[in-house]
Amino acid sequence: MARKTGSHSEITGPRIREAALRLFARDGFAAVSMRQIAAEVGVQAGALYLYTPDKQTLLFDLLKAHMDDLIAAWQAEPVPATPTDRLEAFVRFHIRFNLDRPDAVFLSYMELRNLEPDNFAEIEALRRHYENRLEGILRDGQAAGSIAAPDTKLAALAIIAMLTGVNTWYREGGRLSRDRVGDIYWDMVRKAVAA
């Protein structure tokens, strides 16, 4: 199928992903049709299939891109010397990164169940990879005697859940600045693991 004159894949492809992300987050994956996504972008429904084979692949690509970006951004962060400093860096990074991506975070948690088994397994592996980075910090802190967590895996999952929860209530321009939220959450995490 030939591309319409004046269309540009480097523009249309990202617009399709942005529209799908917004619609999936607002209305839910199951409720959104490919026709709705096409209408949001301003293309014919058939044109979407030049960019993605189906809605399932589109959801998977959105979730994978979010996890790939999250992992790459964390790996690009400077690595502080002590486990306690690394834990603080992780807390502040996770909040900062996710506050800029509320729809992607929402989708990553609420629509994971809509992935087919192979796609689910791949996203779960990426999530475990990221969770393992935090668990490694906690284990290093235990070994150094600066962090106390009876179960580092459980502590890592609890910390990530708490940090990700910021997206459910935080509003730009509200009572607390992003930095202040980071300060408060770091204090809570530090106390939770006696760092």
C-alpha atoms as a PDB file:
ATOM      1  CA  MET A   1       0.000   0.000   0.000  1.00  0.00           C
ATOM      2  CA  ALA A   2       1.497   3.315  -1.011  1.00  0.00           C
ATOM      3  CA  ARG A   3       1.891   6.075   1.510  1.00  0.00           C
ATOM      4  CA  LYS A   4      -0.293   9.125   1.010  1.00  0.00           C
ATOM      5  CA  THR A   5       1.449  12.073  -0.637  1.00  0.00           C
ATOM      6  CA  GLY A   6       2.801  14.427   1.999  1.00  0.00           C
ATOM      7  CA  SER A   7       2.837  11.838   4.803  1.00  0.00           C
ATOM      8  CA  HIS A   8       6.036  11.306   6.732  1.00  0.00           C
ATOM      9  CA  SER A   9       6.704   8.114   8.667  1.00  0.00           C
ATOM     10  CA  GLU A  10       9.039   9.910  11.090  1.00  0.00           C
ATOM     11  CA  ILE A  11       6.120  12.182  12.025  1.00  0.00           C
ATOM     12  CA  THR A  12       3.125   9.866  11.698  1.00  0.00           C
ATOM     13  CA  GLY A  13       4.635   6.913  13.582  1.00  0.00           C
ATOM     14  CA  PRO A  14       5.353   8.928  16.752  1.00  0.00           C
ATOM     15  CA  ARG A  15       1.952  10.627  16.493  1.00  0.00           C
ATOM     16  CA  ILE A  16       0.261   7.217  16.378  1.00  0.00           C
ATOM     17  CA  ARG A  17       2.175   6.075  19.467  1.00  0.00           C
ATOM     18  CA  GLU A  18       1.383   9.327  21.335  1.00  0.00           C
ATOM     19  CA  ALA A  19      -2.322   9.087  20.464  1.00  0.00           C
ATOM     20  CA  ALA A  20      -2.497   5.418  21.441  1.00  0.00           C
ATOM     21  CA  LEU A  21      -0.728   6.112  24.738  1.00  0.00           C
ATOM     22  CA  ARG A  22      -3.093   8.963  25.572  1.00  0.00           C
ATOM     23  CA  LEU A  23      -6.240   7.033  24.574  1.00  0.00           C
ATOM     24  CA  PHE A  24      -5.202   3.766  26.270  1.00  0.00           C
ATOM     25  CA  ALA A  25      -4.413   5.664  29.484  1.00  0.00           C
ATOM     26  CA  ARG A  26      -7.656   7.638  29.382  1.00  0.00           C
ATOM     27  CA  ASP A  27     -10.153   5.001  28.188  1.00  0.00           C
ATOM     28  CA  GLY A  28      -8.413   1.663  28.690  1.00  0.00           C
ATOM     29  CA  PHE A  29      -6.811  -0.624  26.133  1.00  0.00           C
ATOM     30  CA  ALA A  30      -9.900  -2.777  25.567  1.00  0.00           C
ATOM     31  CA  ALA A  31     -12.170   0.229  24.962  1.00  0.00           C
ATOM     32  CA  VAL A  32      -9.976   1.876  22.313  1.00  0.00           C
ATOM     33  CA  SER A  33     -10.254   0.860  18.675  1.00  0.00           C
ATOM     34  CA  MET A  34      -7.726   1.282  15.914  1.00  0.00           C
ATOM     35  CA  ARG A  35     -10.287   3.571  14.237  1.00  0.00           C
ATOM     36  CA  GLN A  36     -10.243   5.869  17.272  1.00  0.00           C
ATOM     37  CA  ILE A  37      -6.461   6.040  17.192  1.00  0.00           C
ATOM     38  CA  ALA A  38      -6.525   6.804  13.466  1.00  0.00           C
ATOM     39  CA  ALA A  39      -9.132   9.535  13.960  1.00  0.00           C
ATOM     40  CA  GLU A  40      -7.047  11.084  16.737  1.00  0.00           C
ATOM     41  CA  VAL A  41      -4.031  11.215  14.416  1.00  0.00           C
ATOM     42  CA  GLY A  42      -6.036  12.278  11.374  1.00  0.00           C
ATOM     43  CA  VAL A  43      -5.294   9.293   9.146  1.00  0.00           C
ATOM     44  CA  GLN A  44      -7.388   6.493   7.686  1.00  0.00           C
ATOM     45  CA  ALA A  45      -7.659   3.417   9.907  1.00  0.00           C
ATOM     46  CA  GLY A  46      -5.887   1.324   7.273  1.00  0.00           C
ATOM     47  CA  ALA A  47      -2.879   3.648   7.429  1.00  0.00           C
ATOM     48  CA  LEU A  48      -2.159   2.522  10.999  1.00  0.00           C
ATOM     49  CA  TYR A  49      -1.173  -0.888   9.698  1.00  0.00           C
ATOM     50  CA  LEU A  50       1.764   0.683   7.897  1.00  0.00           C
ATOM     51  CA  TYR A  51       3.160   1.391  11.370  1.00  0.00           C
ATOM     52  CA  THR A  52       1.956  -1.512  13.510  1.00  0.00           C
ATOM     53  CA  PRO A  53       0.475  -4.915  12.687  1.00  0.00           C
ATOM     54  CA  ASP A  54      -2.210  -4.726  15.404  1.00  0.00           C
ATOM     55  CA  LYS A  55      -3.340  -3.118  18.655  1.00  0.00           C
ATOM     56  CA  GLN A  56      -1.585  -5.745  20.802  1.00  0.00           C
ATOM     57  CA  THR A  57       1.758  -4.918  19.176  1.00  0.00           C
ATOM     58  CA  LEU A  58       1.103  -1.227  19.690  1.00  0.00           C
ATOM     59  CA  LEU A  59       0.481  -1.768  23.422  1.00  0.00           C
ATOM     60  CA  PHE A  60       3.565  -3.965  23.733  1.00  0.00           C
ATOM     61  CA  ASP A  61       5.715  -1.389  21.911  1.00  0.00           C
ATOM     62  CA  LEU A  62       4.502   1.386  24.244  1.00  0.00           C
ATOM     63  CA  LEU A  63       5.229  -0.642  27.378  1.00  0.00           C
ATOM     64  CA  LYS A  64       8.596  -1.828  26.096  1.00  0.00           C
ATOM     65  CA  ALA A  65       9.654   1.683  25.068  1.00  0.00           C
ATOM     66  CA  HIS A  66       8.796   2.946  28.552  1.00  0.00           C
ATOM     67  CA  MET A  67      10.825   0.228  30.263  1.00  0.00           C
ATOM     68  CA  ASP A  68      13.746   0.599  27.836  1.00  0.00           C
ATOM     69  CA  ASP A  69      13.783   4.362  28.432  1.00  0.00           C
ATOM     70  CA  LEU A  70      13.552   3.925  32.217  1.00  0.00           C
ATOM     71  CA  ILE A  71      16.422   1.424  32.335  1.00  0.00           C
ATOM     72  CA  ALA A  72      18.617   3.454  29.963  1.00  0.00           C
ATOM     73  CA  ALA A  73      18.013   6.650  31.924  1.00  0.00           C
ATOM     74  CA  TRP A  74      18.884   4.951  35.226  1.00  0.00           C
ATOM     75  CA  GLN A  75      22.042   3.461  33.720  1.00  0.00           C
ATOM     76  CA  ALA A  76      23.067   6.934  32.527  1.00  0.00           C
ATOM     77  CA  GLU A  77      22.800   8.375  36.049  1.00  0.00           C
ATOM     78  CA  PRO A  78      26.023   9.013  37.994  1.00  0.00           C
ATOM     79  CA  VAL A  79      26.779   6.231  40.485  1.00  0.00           C
ATOM     80  CA  PRO A  80      27.330   7.560  44.016  1.00  0.00           C
ATOM     81  CA  ALA A  81      29.980   5.871  46.134  1.00  0.00           C
ATOM     82  CA  THR A  82      27.946   4.519  49.037  1.00  0.00           C
ATOM     83  CA  PRO A  83      24.856   2.287  48.973  1.00  0.00           C
ATOM     84  CA  THR A  84      22.904   4.862  50.992  1.00  0.00           C
ATOM     85  CA  ASP A  85      23.761   7.577  48.469  1.00  0.00           C
ATOM     86  CA  ARG A  86      22.840   5.206  45.622  1.00  0.00           C
ATOM     87  CA  LEU A  87      19.504   4.503  47.296  1.00  0.00           C
ATOM     88  CA  GLU A  88      18.792   8.222  47.587  1.00  0.00           C
ATOM     89  CA  ALA A  89      19.764   8.699  43.934  1.00  0.00           C
ATOM     90  CA  PHE A  90      17.386   5.875  42.940  1.00  0.00           C
ATOM     91  CA  VAL A  91      14.479   7.360  44.925  1.00  0.00           C
ATOM     92  CA  ARG A  92      14.929  10.806  43.424  1.00  0.00           C
ATOM     93  CA  PHE A  93      15.511   9.426  39.907  1.00  0.00           C
ATOM     94  CA  HIS A  94      12.416   7.204  39.954  1.00  0.00           C
ATOM     95  CA  ILE A  95      10.149  10.059  41.025  1.00  0.00           C
ATOM     96  CA  ARG A  96      11.683  12.544  38.595  1.00  0.00           C
ATOM     97  CA  PHE A  97      11.578  10.175  35.614  1.00  0.00           C
ATOM     98  CA  ASN A  98       8.027   8.969  36.171  1.00  0.00           C
ATOM     99  CA  LEU A  99       6.439  12.332  36.962  1.00  0.00           C
ATOM    100  CA  ASP A 100       7.250  13.360  33.390  1.00  0.00           C
ATOM    101  CA  ARG A 101       5.471  10.270  31.996  1.00  0.00           C
ATOM    102  CA  PRO A 102       2.160   9.796  33.836  1.00  0.00           C
ATOM    103  CA  ASP A 103       0.342   8.088  30.948  1.00  0.00           C
ATOM    104  CA  ALA A 104       3.190   5.641  30.331  1.00  0.00           C
ATOM    105  CA  VAL A 105       3.394   4.793  34.040  1.00  0.00           C
ATOM    106  CA  PHE A 106      -0.366   4.300  34.273  1.00  0.00           C
ATOM    107  CA  LEU A 107      -0.331   2.066  31.212  1.00  0.00           C
ATOM    108  CA  SER A 108       2.614   0.057  32.551  1.00  0.00           C
ATOM    109  CA  TYR A 109       0.671  -0.890  35.645  1.00  0.00           C
ATOM    110  CA  MET A 110      -2.964  -0.982  34.545  1.00  0.00           C
ATOM    111  CA  GLU A 111      -2.706  -2.518  31.086  1.00  0.00           C
ATOM    112  CA  LEU A 112       0.023  -5.095  31.642  1.00  0.00           C
ATOM    113  CA  ARG A 113      -2.752  -7.682  32.047  1.00  0.00           C
ATOM    114  CA  ASN A 114      -3.807  -7.143  28.418  1.00  0.00           C
ATOM    115  CA  LEU A 115      -0.529  -8.388  26.991  1.00  0.00           C
ATOM    116  CA  GLU A 116      -0.378 -11.791  25.346  1.00  0.00           C
ATOM    117  CA  PRO A 117       1.794 -14.287  27.278  1.00  0.00           C
ATOM    118  CA  ASP A 118       5.042 -13.836  25.299  1.00  0.00           C
ATOM    119  CA  ASN A 119       4.748 -10.049  25.376  1.00  0.00           C
ATOM    120  CA  PHE A 120       3.901 -10.138  29.084  1.00  0.00           C
ATOM    121  CA  ALA A 121       6.981 -12.257  29.790  1.00  0.00           C
ATOM    122  CA  GLU A 122       9.247  -9.802  27.980  1.00  0.00           C
ATOM    123  CA  ILE A 123       7.898  -6.771  29.847  1.00  0.00           C
ATOM    124  CA  GLU A 124       8.057  -8.641  33.157  1.00  0.00           C
ATOM    125  CA  ALA A 125      11.715  -9.462  32.475  1.00  0.00           C
ATOM    126  CA  LEU A 126      12.454  -5.762  31.922  1.00  0.00           C
ATOM    127  CA  ARG A 127      10.626  -4.858  35.122  1.00  0.00           C
ATOM    128  CA  ARG A 128      12.598  -7.472  37.063  1.00  0.00           C
ATOM    129  CA  HIS A 129      15.822  -6.082  35.585  1.00  0.00           C
ATOM    130  CA  TYR A 130      14.952  -2.626  36.925  1.00  0.00           C
ATOM    131  CA  GLU A 131      13.745  -3.956  40.299  1.00  0.00           C
ATOM    132  CA  ASN A 132      16.969  -5.940  40.604  1.00  0.00           C
ATOM    133  CA  ARG A 133      18.983  -2.721  40.361  1.00  0.00           C
ATOM    134  CA  LEU A 134      17.240  -1.432  43.483  1.00  0.00           C
ATOM    135  CA  GLU A 135      17.515  -4.785  45.235  1.00  0.00           C
ATOM    136  CA  GLY A 136      21.258  -4.770  44.501  1.00  0.00           C
ATOM    137  CA  ILE A 137      21.583  -1.373  46.191  1.00  0.00           C
ATOM    138  CA  LEU A 138      19.748  -2.703  49.247  1.00  0.00           C
ATOM    139  CA  ARG A 139      21.940  -5.832  49.378  1.00  0.00           C
ATOM    140  CA  ASP A 140      25.088  -3.707  49.074  1.00  0.00           C
ATOM    141  CA  GLY A 141      23.803  -1.547  51.925  1.00  0.00           C
ATOM    142  CA  GLN A 142      23.175  -4.608  54.074  1.00  0.00           C
ATOM    143  CA  ALA A 143      26.689  -5.860  53.391  1.00  0.00           C
ATOM    144  CA  ALA A 144      28.095  -2.449  54.326  1.00  0.00           C
ATOM    145  CA  GLY A 145      25.941  -2.299  57.476  1.00  0.00           C
ATOM    146  CA  SER A 146      24.220   0.922  56.384  1.00  0.00           C
ATOM    147  CA  ILE A 147      20.859  -0.547  55.334  1.00  0.00           C
ATOM    148  CA  ALA A 148      18.635  -2.966  57.225  1.00  0.00           C
ATOM    149  CA  ALA A 149      15.877  -4.737  55.292  1.00  0.00           C
ATOM    150  CA  PRO A 150      14.723  -8.196  56.405  1.00  0.00           C
ATOM    151  CA  ASP A 151      13.922  -9.131  52.799  1.00  0.00           C
ATOM    152  CA  THR A 152      15.615  -7.069  50.093  1.00  0.00           C
ATOM    153  CA  LYS A 153      13.302  -8.289  47.306  1.00  0.00           C
ATOM    154  CA  LEU A 154      10.179  -7.337  49.232  1.00  0.00           C
ATOM    155  CA  ALA A 155      11.730  -4.025  50.272  1.00  0.00           C
ATOM    156  CA  ALA A 156      12.612  -3.225  46.641  1.00  0.00           C
ATOM    157  CA  LEU A 157       9.070  -3.968  45.457  1.00  0.00           C
ATOM    158  CA  ALA A 158       7.546  -1.922  48.291  1.00  0.00           C
ATOM    159  CA  ILE A 159       9.819   1.047  47.586  1.00  0.00           C
ATOM    160  CA  ILE A 160       9.056   1.007  43.856  1.00  0.00           C
ATOM    161  CA  ALA A 161       5.312   0.778  44.547  1.00  0.00           C
ATOM    162  CA  MET A 162       5.513   3.697  46.950  1.00  0.00           C
ATOM    163  CA  LEU A 163       7.556   5.838  44.568  1.00  0.00           C
ATOM    164  CA  THR A 164       5.391   5.043  41.555  1.00  0.00           C
ATOM    165  CA  GLY A 165       2.313   5.971  43.589  1.00  0.00           C
ATOM    166  CA  VAL A 166       3.390   9.625  43.428  1.00  0.00           C
ATOM    167  CA  ASN A 167       1.913   9.715  39.922  1.00  0.00           C
ATOM    168  CA  THR A 168      -1.584   9.069  41.277  1.00  0.00           C
ATOM    169  CA  TRP A 169      -1.763  12.242  43.353  1.00  0.00           C
ATOM    170  CA  TYR A 170       0.964  14.686  42.325  1.00  0.00           C
ATOM    171  CA  ARG A 171      -0.149  17.755  40.379  1.00  0.00           C
ATOM    172  CA  GLU A 172       2.265  20.294  38.925  1.00  0.00           C
ATOM    173  CA  GLY A 173       1.804  23.639  40.679  1.00  0.00           C
ATOM    174  CA  GLY A 174       0.266  21.986  43.742  1.00  0.00           C
ATOM    175  CA  ARG A 175       1.217  22.406  47.372  1.00  0.00           C
ATOM    176  CA  LEU A 176       4.527  20.530  47.067  1.00  0.00           C
ATOM    177  CA  SER A 177       7.296  21.019  44.515  1.00  0.00           C
ATOM    178  CA  ARG A 178       8.897  18.030  42.837  1.00  0.00           C
ATOM    179  CA  ASP A 179      12.055  18.577  44.872  1.00  0.00           C
ATOM    180  CA  ARG A 180      10.080  18.692  48.126  1.00  0.00           C
ATOM    181  CA  VAL A 181       8.281  15.475  47.185  1.00  0.00           C
ATOM    182  CA  GLY A 182      11.691  13.900  46.542  1.00  0.00           C
ATOM    183  CA  ASP A 183      12.920  15.077  49.958  1.00  0.00           C
ATOM    184  CA  ILE A 184       9.899  13.660  51.780  1.00  0.00           C
ATOM    185  CA  TYR A 185       9.928  10.339  49.945  1.00  0.00           C
ATOM    186  CA  TRP A 186      13.658   9.948  50.469  1.00  0.00           C
ATOM    187  CA  ASP A 187      13.162  10.535  54.194  1.00  0.00           C
ATOM    188  CA  MET A 188      10.407   7.873  54.298  1.00  0.00           C
ATOM    189  CA  VAL A 189      12.463   5.329  52.333  1.00  0.00           C
ATOM    190  CA  ARG A 190      15.561   6.023  54.432  1.00  0.00           C
ATOM    191  CA  LYS A 191      13.628   5.413  57.638  1.00  0.00           C
ATOM    192  CA  ALA A 192      11.936   2.299  56.226  1.00  0.00           C
ATOM    193  CA  VAL A 193      15.303   0.634  55.629  1.00  0.00           C
ATOM    194  CA  ALA A 194      17.100   2.314  58.538  1.00  0.00           C
ATOM    195  CA  ALA A 195      19.609   3.920  56.172  1.00  0.00           C
END
